[in-house]
Amino acid sequence: MRKSVSVALCVLAGFAGLWHGGKSSQSVLAQGVSVAKAKWEYAVLNRTFRFVTNESPVRLRLPDKSIEAKNLRDLCQQLGQPTEEESTAVTLNLLGEQGWELVSFSETESLRDTRIASATWIFKRPK
């Protein structure tokens, strides 16, 4: 009788583990993983390339404000990190240092005779 009770408890523990995605709730908590859903805030960086005038204005939409700049260098300056370099990498690293994680990137090519293209980066970070 004692052996069958032990087997039954092991089976129930196994089902409990499957119920929690293969991990018991204790192992999830021991790993420091929050059981509650994470809440995110998002930011969108748009850059337009105007080939005729050689301009590339940018707009960064943050949860609490929107920043418009004449180029990436100007945007970095407005974010408090002056740079001499007009670089996408510098801008992305700056946003990363502020906790933003890149989750999506898309770009459009020049549309017919408009000679304009654009790029969009979407970021998230925990609220």
Protein backbone atom coordinates (compact mmCIF):
# COMPACT_ATOMS: atom_id res chain seq x y z
CA MET A 1 0.00 0.00 0.00
CA ARG A 2 2.82 2.38 0.87
CA LYS A 3 4.49 1.80 -2.55
CA SER A 4 1.26 2.56 -4.46
CA VAL A 5 0.81 5.83 -2.52
CA SER A 6 4.38 6.85 -3.42
CA VAL A 7 3.79 6.02 -7.09
CA ALA A 8 0.53 7.97 -7.06
CA LEU A 9 2.27 11.00 -5.56
CA CYS A 10 5.04 10.81 -8.18
CA VAL A 11 2.44 10.67 -10.97
CA LEU A 12 0.59 13.67 -9.53
CA ALA A 13 3.86 15.60 -9.22
CA GLY A 14 4.62 14.78 -12.84
CA PHE A 15 1.24 16.12 -13.98
CA ALA A 16 1.79 19.28 -11.91
CA GLY A 17 5.12 19.75 -13.68
CA LEU A 18 3.45 19.39 -17.08
CA TRP A 19 0.76 21.84 -16.02
CA HIS A 20 3.47 24.49 -15.47
CA GLY A 21 5.18 23.98 -18.83
CA GLY A 22 7.33 21.12 -17.64
CA LYS A 23 8.62 23.02 -14.59
CA SER A 24 7.21 23.00 -11.13
CA SER A 25 6.20 26.37 -9.75
CA GLN A 26 9.02 26.05 -7.21
CA SER A 27 11.66 25.62 -9.94
CA VAL A 28 10.25 28.61 -11.85
CA LEU A 29 10.43 30.77 -8.73
CA ALA A 30 13.89 29.41 -7.85
CA GLN A 31 15.14 30.60 -11.26
CA GLY A 32 13.88 34.10 -10.53
CA VAL A 33 11.35 33.99 -13.38
CA SER A 34 8.26 36.03 -12.68
CA VAL A 35 5.03 34.12 -13.10
CA ALA A 36 3.16 37.39 -13.78
CA LYS A 37 3.11 38.70 -17.34
CA ALA A 38 5.74 41.30 -18.17
CA LYS A 39 4.53 44.79 -19.07
CA TRP A 40 6.35 46.62 -21.83
CA GLU A 41 6.61 50.13 -23.16
CA TYR A 42 7.53 50.78 -26.77
CA ALA A 43 9.48 53.33 -28.79
CA VAL A 44 9.54 53.85 -32.56
CA LEU A 45 12.43 55.41 -34.50
CA ASN A 46 11.66 56.57 -38.05
CA ARG A 47 14.29 57.81 -40.48
CA THR A 48 13.46 59.24 -43.91
CA PHE A 49 16.06 59.38 -46.67
CA ARG A 50 15.57 62.20 -49.16
CA PHE A 51 18.05 61.46 -51.93
CA VAL A 52 17.50 64.66 -53.91
CA THR A 53 18.28 67.00 -51.00
CA ASN A 54 20.58 64.56 -49.16
CA GLU A 55 18.56 64.97 -45.94
CA SER A 56 17.68 62.24 -43.48
CA PRO A 57 15.38 63.57 -40.74
CA VAL A 58 14.47 61.29 -37.85
CA ARG A 59 11.64 61.05 -35.35
CA LEU A 60 11.80 59.10 -32.10
CA ARG A 61 8.44 58.44 -30.48
CA LEU A 62 8.84 57.53 -26.83
CA PRO A 63 6.03 56.70 -24.41
CA ASP A 64 6.07 60.20 -22.91
CA LYS A 65 7.31 62.41 -25.78
CA SER A 66 8.26 62.64 -29.43
CA ILE A 67 11.63 63.98 -30.60
CA GLU A 68 12.22 65.29 -34.12
CA ALA A 69 15.77 65.83 -35.35
CA LYS A 70 17.44 66.78 -38.63
CA ASN A 71 19.67 63.65 -38.50
CA LEU A 72 20.93 60.90 -36.19
CA ARG A 73 23.73 63.08 -34.81
CA ASP A 74 21.17 65.73 -33.81
CA LEU A 75 18.97 63.06 -32.21
CA CYS A 76 21.88 61.76 -30.11
CA GLN A 77 22.56 65.32 -28.97
CA GLN A 78 18.90 65.80 -27.98
CA LEU A 79 19.11 62.53 -26.02
CA GLY A 80 22.07 63.92 -24.08
CA GLN A 81 24.83 62.01 -25.86
CA PRO A 82 26.64 64.30 -28.32
CA THR A 83 28.57 62.49 -31.04
CA GLU A 84 30.65 63.54 -34.01
CA GLU A 85 29.56 60.54 -36.03
CA GLU A 86 26.37 60.25 -38.11
CA SER A 87 25.89 56.57 -37.36
CA THR A 88 22.96 54.23 -36.98
CA ALA A 89 25.09 52.00 -34.72
CA VAL A 90 25.88 54.87 -32.34
CA THR A 91 22.17 55.72 -32.10
CA LEU A 92 21.10 52.10 -31.56
CA ASN A 93 23.78 51.64 -28.89
CA LEU A 94 22.60 54.80 -27.13
CA LEU A 95 19.02 53.51 -27.05
CA GLY A 96 20.29 50.14 -25.81
CA GLU A 97 22.13 51.87 -22.95
CA GLN A 98 18.78 53.42 -21.99
CA GLY A 99 17.24 49.95 -21.72
CA TRP A 100 15.59 49.79 -25.15
CA GLU A 101 15.75 46.42 -26.94
CA LEU A 102 15.32 46.28 -30.72
CA VAL A 103 12.38 44.04 -31.63
CA SER A 104 11.67 44.98 -35.25
CA PHE A 105 13.21 46.71 -38.27
CA SER A 106 11.72 47.50 -41.65
CA GLU A 107 12.64 49.71 -44.58
CA THR A 108 11.05 50.87 -47.79
CA GLU A 109 12.94 51.57 -50.96
CA SER A 110 12.59 54.69 -53.04
CA LEU A 111 9.06 54.94 -54.38
CA ARG A 112 9.02 55.64 -58.12
CA ASP A 113 10.07 59.22 -58.78
CA THR A 114 9.85 60.43 -55.18
CA ARG A 115 13.48 59.51 -54.45
CA ILE A 116 12.50 58.93 -50.81
CA ALA A 117 13.08 55.85 -48.67
CA SER A 118 12.46 55.20 -45.00
CA ALA A 119 13.50 52.92 -42.17
CA THR A 120 11.64 52.08 -38.96
CA TRP A 121 13.01 50.51 -35.80
CA ILE A 122 10.70 49.36 -32.99
CA PHE A 123 12.05 48.95 -29.45
CA LYS A 124 10.64 47.72 -26.14
CA ARG A 125 11.70 47.77 -22.52
CA PRO A 126 10.06 46.71 -19.26
CA LYS A 127 7.73 49.29 -17.74
